[in-house]
Amino acid sequence: MQNEVVIVINPGSTSTKVAFYDREGELDAKSITHTQSELQQFEKIADQIDYRYNVLIPYIEDFMRNTNYKVIGLVGRGGIVKPIEGGTYRINEAFLKDARSGHYGEHASNLGSLLADKLKDAFNLEHCYTVDPVSTSRLSEVAKISGVPGIVRDGRAHTLNVKMTARKLSKMYQAPFRDSAFVVAHLGGGISIALVSSGRIVDVNDGLLGMGPFSPNRAGALPLRGVMKLCYSKPEPEVKKLLSQNSGFKAYLGTTDVREVLKMVDNGDKKAELIYNAFVYQVAKEIGACFAASKGRAQAIGITGGIAHSKRFVEDLETYVGNLTDYHVFAGESEMEALAEGFFRAFDGTEDILEYPGE
């Protein structure tokens, strides 16, 4: 048992993280950076599969050459596929097809399942897995209603880190995960603020396009009149790129780094101060909305993601929401850990392995 390990793969927009985990935690890890010039040669995300595979293999082979571990599983971060419930999924042909096509969304995380599948033969594994894909969406029925028939509120979010943070909180409070309720705010390049109740995300803003606060480069919720004018003035691809890549701090202040924003504030930049204060305000409002959605029963608020490394930010945010319920900070993200733990829960039989639905 102690020599059994799982390989965890987490592709990002400019890097691929790979790590070895046993049941006690991380054994070794590497983050491989990809330059824009390397990635620009590929038209679609899925076209990067061979390139990323070839940069992963030397690290994996070198680690295995110097150890006596047995690889019992491969788990890749799940991408944007059909909306599905949370859990650990066996990666089947239907999942691979949807991840490869990008039909439900083009995102680097689509490569996680493809890389795991490509690697499994090297370790004589019949199956590979993913945990809580980006498309995990179990919003309550009332949360899906938008106000316009035919437009349904979506739940694309940083599911892995949100649910992992909720699991950490449930352990802190010695409450079974499926009997607890927490508000979790993942704050990074994208923002997901969720109500995690009874083991699932019952409400969350769409972290890519629509609802929630603005982020370092995304627009968040917008006044409809302005959106209508924008849509009639530009082609759809330009609008999509503006709202998902060139908005937020980047549009207002020319940076996506909150640390740089705070330096501007400290140097007396009044515009930077206003935009930073608006960001804290919008995050707090969304947390408050999720707390209200829990009917005031959420046991705690968990703040996570890269922006949570800023002591100043988390303290500023606490002035708004700290009186609602207990307030905890888990800086950074736990996606690799969440993938590994999800695999072992399924492999050891404490959680069912799910099958992805085909067409």
Protein backbone atom coordinates (compact mmCIF):
# COMPACT_ATOMS: atom_id res chain seq x y z
CA MET A 1 0.00 0.00 0.00
CA GLN A 2 2.69 2.49 0.96
CA ASN A 3 4.43 2.14 -2.42
CA GLU A 4 1.26 2.89 -4.41
CA VAL A 5 1.16 6.30 -6.08
CA VAL A 6 -1.04 8.28 -8.44
CA ILE A 7 0.22 10.70 -11.10
CA VAL A 8 -1.67 13.99 -11.10
CA ILE A 9 -1.73 16.26 -14.16
CA ASN A 10 -3.08 19.82 -14.17
CA PRO A 11 -2.67 21.79 -17.43
CA GLY A 12 -2.97 25.56 -17.25
CA SER A 13 -2.92 28.26 -19.91
CA THR A 14 0.86 28.73 -19.72
CA SER A 15 2.06 25.76 -17.65
CA THR A 16 1.50 22.08 -16.96
CA LYS A 17 1.75 20.85 -13.38
CA VAL A 18 2.52 17.21 -12.71
CA ALA A 19 2.99 15.49 -9.36
CA PHE A 20 3.21 12.14 -7.62
CA TYR A 21 0.99 11.51 -4.58
CA ASP A 22 0.54 8.64 -2.18
CA ARG A 23 -2.18 8.43 0.45
CA GLU A 24 -0.15 10.63 2.80
CA GLY A 25 0.31 13.51 0.37
CA GLU A 26 2.64 14.89 -2.28
CA LEU A 27 5.90 13.05 -2.95
CA ASP A 28 7.30 15.20 -5.75
CA ALA A 29 6.02 17.81 -8.19
CA LYS A 30 7.08 19.91 -11.14
CA SER A 31 5.52 22.88 -12.92
CA ILE A 32 6.60 23.14 -16.56
CA THR A 33 6.23 26.59 -18.11
CA HIS A 34 5.24 27.06 -21.75
CA THR A 35 6.07 30.24 -23.63
CA GLN A 36 3.50 32.02 -25.78
CA SER A 37 5.67 31.42 -28.85
CA GLU A 38 5.54 27.67 -28.17
CA LEU A 39 1.75 27.64 -27.73
CA GLN A 40 0.88 30.01 -30.58
CA GLN A 41 1.81 27.38 -33.15
CA PHE A 42 -1.33 25.42 -32.22
CA GLU A 43 -4.71 26.49 -33.56
CA LYS A 44 -6.81 24.66 -30.96
CA ILE A 45 -6.15 23.72 -27.34
CA ALA A 46 -6.42 20.01 -28.17
CA ASP A 47 -3.66 20.37 -30.77
CA GLN A 48 -1.19 20.88 -27.88
CA ILE A 49 -1.55 17.29 -26.65
CA ASP A 50 1.61 15.82 -28.20
CA TYR A 51 3.69 18.89 -27.32
CA ARG A 52 2.66 18.81 -23.65
CA TYR A 53 3.01 15.03 -23.46
CA ASN A 54 6.58 15.24 -24.71
CA VAL A 55 7.57 17.81 -22.08
CA LEU A 56 6.00 15.76 -19.26
CA ILE A 57 7.54 12.40 -20.09
CA PRO A 58 11.20 13.19 -19.16
CA TYR A 59 10.21 14.29 -15.62
CA ILE A 60 7.91 11.29 -15.09
CA GLU A 61 10.47 8.77 -16.39
CA ASP A 62 13.27 10.32 -14.33
CA PHE A 63 11.22 10.16 -11.12
CA MET A 64 10.17 6.54 -11.72
CA ARG A 65 13.71 5.49 -12.64
CA ASN A 66 14.97 6.45 -9.17
CA THR A 67 12.13 5.03 -7.06
CA ASN A 68 10.33 1.73 -6.44
CA TYR A 69 6.82 3.18 -6.49
CA LYS A 70 3.96 1.47 -8.29
CA VAL A 71 1.68 3.76 -10.30
CA ILE A 72 -1.90 2.65 -9.65
CA GLY A 73 -3.66 5.60 -11.23
CA LEU A 74 -3.55 8.62 -13.50
CA VAL A 75 -5.82 11.57 -12.82
CA GLY A 76 -6.05 14.69 -14.97
CA ARG A 77 -7.88 17.91 -14.31
CA GLY A 78 -11.24 17.73 -16.07
CA GLY A 79 -12.14 20.39 -18.58
CA ILE A 80 -15.25 22.05 -19.93
CA VAL A 81 -17.57 19.26 -20.97
CA LYS A 82 -21.30 18.66 -20.41
CA PRO A 83 -22.67 19.93 -17.08
CA ILE A 84 -22.30 17.02 -14.66
CA GLU A 85 -22.48 16.35 -10.94
CA GLY A 86 -19.34 16.44 -8.84
CA GLY A 87 -17.23 13.39 -8.07
CA THR A 88 -14.55 11.14 -9.51
CA TYR A 89 -15.11 10.08 -13.12
CA ARG A 90 -13.62 7.30 -15.17
CA ILE A 91 -12.44 8.99 -18.37
CA ASN A 92 -14.31 7.28 -21.17
CA GLU A 93 -14.48 7.88 -24.91
CA ALA A 94 -17.42 10.28 -24.61
CA PHE A 95 -15.45 12.45 -22.15
CA LEU A 96 -12.38 12.42 -24.39
CA LYS A 97 -14.46 13.33 -27.43
CA ASP A 98 -16.04 16.36 -25.73
CA ALA A 99 -12.73 17.51 -24.23
CA ARG A 100 -10.97 17.16 -27.58
CA SER A 101 -13.65 18.98 -29.56
CA GLY A 102 -13.83 22.05 -27.32
CA HIS A 103 -17.56 22.08 -28.12
CA TYR A 104 -18.50 23.17 -24.60
CA GLY A 105 -15.57 25.58 -24.20
CA GLU A 106 -11.90 25.94 -25.14
CA HIS A 107 -9.77 25.77 -22.00
CA ALA A 108 -6.36 24.32 -21.14
CA SER A 109 -7.98 22.05 -18.54
CA ASN A 110 -9.48 20.08 -21.46
CA LEU A 111 -5.99 18.64 -21.90
CA GLY A 112 -5.97 17.00 -18.46
CA SER A 113 -8.09 14.02 -19.47
CA LEU A 114 -6.34 13.74 -22.84
CA LEU A 115 -2.88 13.63 -21.25
CA ALA A 116 -3.95 11.08 -18.63
CA ASP A 117 -5.42 8.87 -21.34
CA LYS A 118 -2.28 9.14 -23.48
CA LEU A 119 -0.09 8.17 -20.49
CA LYS A 120 -2.07 5.21 -19.20
CA ASP A 121 -0.61 2.63 -21.60
CA ALA A 122 2.90 3.40 -20.34
CA PHE A 123 1.85 2.11 -16.92
CA ASN A 124 -0.40 -0.73 -18.14
CA LEU A 125 -3.48 0.94 -16.71
CA GLU A 126 -6.87 0.14 -18.13
CA HIS A 127 -8.49 3.40 -17.01
CA CYS A 128 -7.64 6.96 -16.00
CA TYR A 129 -9.73 9.45 -14.05
CA THR A 130 -10.71 13.03 -13.38
CA VAL A 131 -12.23 14.70 -10.32
CA ASP A 132 -14.82 17.51 -10.13
CA PRO A 133 -14.38 18.80 -13.70
CA VAL A 134 -14.75 22.49 -14.51
CA SER A 135 -18.24 21.71 -15.81
CA THR A 136 -19.42 20.29 -12.49
CA SER A 137 -22.80 21.94 -12.12
CA ARG A 138 -25.35 20.88 -9.54
CA LEU A 139 -26.90 24.29 -8.97
CA SER A 140 -30.19 24.17 -7.17
CA GLU A 141 -33.17 24.53 -9.49
CA VAL A 142 -34.03 27.96 -8.11
CA ALA A 143 -30.43 29.14 -8.67
CA LYS A 144 -30.58 28.25 -12.37
CA ILE A 145 -33.38 30.71 -13.10
CA SER A 146 -32.09 33.84 -14.82
CA GLY A 147 -35.17 35.98 -15.39
CA VAL A 148 -35.29 35.29 -19.14
CA PRO A 149 -36.79 32.01 -20.38
CA GLY A 150 -34.22 30.17 -22.46
CA ILE A 151 -31.25 31.70 -20.60
CA VAL A 152 -30.12 29.46 -17.75
CA ARG A 153 -27.61 30.50 -15.11
CA ASP A 154 -24.46 28.44 -15.52
CA GLY A 155 -22.14 27.14 -12.83
CA ARG A 156 -18.68 27.03 -14.44
CA ALA A 157 -16.34 27.49 -11.53
CA HIS A 158 -13.04 26.57 -9.89
CA THR A 159 -14.78 23.46 -8.62
CA LEU A 160 -11.70 21.52 -7.50
CA ASN A 161 -10.36 24.21 -5.20
CA VAL A 162 -13.79 25.36 -4.01
CA LYS A 163 -14.84 21.86 -2.94
CA MET A 164 -11.40 21.07 -1.50
CA THR A 165 -11.59 24.20 0.65
CA ALA A 166 -15.06 23.18 1.81
CA ARG A 167 -13.69 19.74 2.72
CA LYS A 168 -10.93 21.38 4.76
CA LEU A 169 -13.51 23.49 6.58
CA SER A 170 -15.68 20.45 7.28
CA LYS A 171 -12.68 18.75 8.92
CA MET A 172 -11.97 21.87 10.98
CA TYR A 173 -15.56 21.90 12.22
CA GLN A 174 -15.69 18.11 12.59
CA ALA A 175 -18.81 18.11 10.43
CA PRO A 176 -19.50 15.49 7.76
CA PHE A 177 -18.91 17.05 4.35
CA ARG A 178 -22.39 16.09 3.17
CA ASP A 179 -24.02 17.65 6.26
CA SER A 180 -22.22 21.00 6.21
CA ALA A 181 -22.63 24.40 4.56
CA PHE A 182 -19.87 26.90 3.74
CA VAL A 183 -19.34 29.94 1.55
CA VAL A 184 -16.09 29.59 -0.39
CA ALA A 185 -14.48 32.36 -2.44
CA HIS A 186 -11.76 31.31 -4.90
CA LEU A 187 -9.97 34.52 -5.88
CA GLY A 188 -7.38 34.35 -8.64
CA GLY A 189 -7.22 35.10 -12.36
CA GLY A 190 -10.84 33.99 -12.34
CA ILE A 191 -13.24 34.28 -9.43
CA SER A 192 -15.72 31.72 -8.13
CA ILE A 193 -17.80 32.48 -5.06
CA ALA A 194 -19.92 29.53 -4.07
CA LEU A 195 -22.34 28.15 -1.53
CA VAL A 196 -21.25 24.57 -0.86
CA SER A 197 -24.04 22.77 0.92
CA SER A 198 -24.64 19.06 1.56
CA GLY A 199 -21.49 18.16 -0.35
CA ARG A 200 -22.27 20.04 -3.55
CA ILE A 201 -22.06 23.51 -5.05
CA VAL A 202 -25.67 24.68 -4.96
CA ASP A 203 -24.95 28.20 -6.19
CA VAL A 204 -21.95 29.93 -7.76
CA ASN A 205 -21.28 32.73 -10.21
CA ASP A 206 -20.11 31.81 -13.71
CA GLY A 207 -16.38 32.39 -13.26
CA LEU A 208 -15.68 32.84 -16.99
CA LEU A 209 -18.47 34.89 -18.52
CA GLY A 210 -21.23 36.37 -16.44
CA MET A 211 -22.19 37.23 -12.86
CA GLY A 212 -19.99 37.84 -9.86
CA PRO A 213 -17.31 40.49 -9.27
CA PHE A 214 -14.80 41.57 -11.88
CA SER A 215 -11.45 39.80 -11.70
CA PRO A 216 -7.89 40.71 -12.71
CA ASN A 217 -8.89 40.35 -16.39
CA ARG A 218 -12.59 39.36 -16.54
CA ALA A 219 -15.63 41.58 -16.52
CA GLY A 220 -18.00 39.92 -14.05
CA ALA A 221 -21.62 41.06 -13.90
CA LEU A 222 -22.43 44.08 -16.07
CA PRO A 223 -25.34 46.50 -16.61
CA LEU A 224 -27.43 45.03 -19.43
CA ARG A 225 -27.83 48.32 -21.33
CA GLY A 226 -24.06 48.63 -21.66
CA VAL A 227 -23.73 45.00 -22.71
CA MET A 228 -26.38 45.46 -25.41
CA LYS A 229 -24.59 48.48 -26.86
CA LEU A 230 -21.28 46.63 -26.78
CA CYS A 231 -22.71 43.59 -28.55
CA TYR A 232 -24.22 45.69 -31.34
CA SER A 233 -20.97 47.61 -31.86
CA LYS A 234 -18.47 44.70 -32.12
CA PRO A 235 -18.35 41.17 -33.58
CA GLU A 236 -19.06 38.37 -31.10
CA PRO A 237 -15.43 37.07 -30.89
CA GLU A 238 -14.21 40.58 -29.99
CA VAL A 239 -16.84 40.97 -27.28
CA LYS A 240 -16.05 37.54 -25.85
CA LYS A 241 -12.32 38.29 -25.74
CA LEU A 242 -12.91 41.70 -24.16
CA LEU A 243 -15.14 40.35 -21.39
CA SER A 244 -13.12 37.22 -20.61
CA GLN A 245 -9.53 38.39 -21.14
CA ASN A 246 -9.24 42.18 -21.33
CA SER A 247 -11.48 43.56 -18.58
CA GLY A 248 -11.18 44.00 -14.81
CA PHE A 249 -7.93 45.33 -13.36
CA LYS A 250 -6.23 44.86 -16.73
CA ALA A 251 -8.63 47.24 -18.49
CA TYR A 252 -8.74 49.85 -15.74
CA LEU A 253 -5.12 49.84 -14.58
CA GLY A 254 -3.05 47.92 -17.14
CA THR A 255 -2.09 45.06 -14.80
CA THR A 256 -3.58 41.78 -13.62
CA ASP A 257 -1.42 41.66 -10.49
CA VAL A 258 -3.14 42.77 -7.29
CA ARG A 259 0.27 43.44 -5.76
CA GLU A 260 0.95 46.00 -8.48
CA VAL A 261 -2.47 47.54 -7.89
CA LEU A 262 -1.70 47.95 -4.19
CA LYS A 263 1.64 49.57 -5.03
CA MET A 264 -0.26 52.11 -7.15
CA VAL A 265 -2.60 52.75 -4.24
CA ASP A 266 0.33 53.26 -1.85
CA ASN A 267 1.88 55.71 -4.33
CA GLY A 268 -1.22 57.88 -4.17
CA ASP A 269 -2.94 56.74 -7.39
CA LYS A 270 -6.59 57.69 -6.73
CA LYS A 271 -7.95 55.74 -9.69
CA ALA A 272 -6.18 52.59 -8.50
CA GLU A 273 -7.58 53.15 -5.03
CA LEU A 274 -11.12 53.43 -6.39
CA ILE A 275 -10.84 50.31 -8.56
CA TYR A 276 -9.25 48.29 -5.73
CA ASN A 277 -11.97 49.37 -3.30
CA ALA A 278 -14.62 48.45 -5.88
CA PHE A 279 -13.07 45.00 -6.24
CA VAL A 280 -13.16 44.34 -2.49
CA TYR A 281 -16.72 45.67 -2.39
CA GLN A 282 -17.93 43.42 -5.23
CA VAL A 283 -16.30 40.32 -3.75
CA ALA A 284 -17.91 41.08 -0.40
CA LYS A 285 -21.33 41.55 -2.01
CA GLU A 286 -21.12 38.16 -3.71
CA ILE A 287 -20.06 36.47 -0.48
CA GLY A 288 -22.97 38.15 1.27
CA ALA A 289 -25.35 36.91 -1.40
CA CYS A 290 -24.19 33.31 -0.93
CA PHE A 291 -24.48 33.65 2.83
CA ALA A 292 -28.05 34.88 2.40
CA ALA A 293 -28.73 31.95 0.05
CA SER A 294 -27.73 29.63 2.90
CA LYS A 295 -30.46 31.31 5.00
CA GLY A 296 -27.69 32.44 7.31
CA ARG A 297 -26.72 28.86 8.14
CA ALA A 298 -23.27 28.74 6.52
CA GLN A 299 -20.86 27.66 9.25
CA ALA A 300 -17.91 29.62 7.86
CA ILE A 301 -16.49 31.63 4.98
CA GLY A 302 -13.36 30.27 3.30
CA ILE A 303 -11.12 32.59 1.26
CA THR A 304 -8.76 30.83 -1.15
CA GLY A 305 -6.85 31.33 -4.41
CA GLY A 306 -3.78 33.37 -5.31
CA ILE A 307 -5.19 36.75 -4.26
CA ALA A 308 -5.67 35.34 -0.75
CA HIS A 309 -1.88 35.59 -0.33
CA SER A 310 -2.40 39.34 0.08
CA LYS A 311 -2.75 39.96 3.82
CA ARG A 312 -4.01 43.44 3.13
CA PHE A 313 -6.74 42.25 0.80
CA VAL A 314 -8.06 39.52 3.10
CA GLU A 315 -8.10 41.98 6.00
CA ASP A 316 -9.95 44.58 3.90
CA LEU A 317 -12.46 41.93 2.84
CA GLU A 318 -12.96 40.80 6.43
CA THR A 319 -14.17 44.28 7.40
CA TYR A 320 -17.20 43.61 5.18
CA VAL A 321 -18.00 39.95 5.83
CA GLY A 322 -16.19 39.00 9.02
CA ASN A 323 -19.28 39.57 11.16
CA LEU A 324 -21.47 37.22 9.12
CA THR A 325 -19.88 34.00 10.39
CA ASP A 326 -16.41 32.53 11.00
CA TYR A 327 -13.79 33.70 8.51
CA HIS A 328 -10.82 31.57 7.37
CA VAL A 329 -8.09 32.07 4.78
CA PHE A 330 -6.51 29.25 2.74
CA ALA A 331 -4.09 31.12 0.47
CA GLY A 332 -3.21 29.53 -2.87
CA GLU A 333 -4.99 26.60 -4.46
CA SER A 334 -5.26 22.89 -3.67
CA GLU A 335 -6.18 21.51 -7.09
CA MET A 336 -3.39 18.90 -7.23
CA GLU A 337 -4.21 17.68 -3.73
CA ALA A 338 -7.92 17.58 -4.59
CA LEU A 339 -7.29 15.47 -7.70
CA ALA A 340 -5.15 12.99 -5.77
CA GLU A 341 -7.55 12.70 -2.84
CA GLY A 342 -10.52 12.24 -5.17
CA PHE A 343 -8.75 9.39 -6.92
CA PHE A 344 -7.85 7.61 -3.69
CA ARG A 345 -11.39 7.98 -2.31
CA ALA A 346 -12.71 6.24 -5.42
CA PHE A 347 -9.89 3.69 -5.66
CA ASP A 348 -10.24 2.71 -2.00
CA GLY A 349 -14.00 2.37 -2.32
CA THR A 350 -15.14 5.21 -0.04
CA GLU A 351 -16.69 7.03 -3.01
CA ASP A 352 -18.35 5.69 -6.15
CA ILE A 353 -16.65 6.00 -9.53
CA LEU A 354 -18.95 7.85 -11.92
CA GLU A 355 -19.42 7.41 -15.66
CA TYR A 356 -19.58 10.41 -17.95
CA PRO A 357 -22.79 10.52 -20.03
CA GLY A 358 -22.45 10.28 -23.79
CA GLU A 359 -24.75 11.83 -26.34
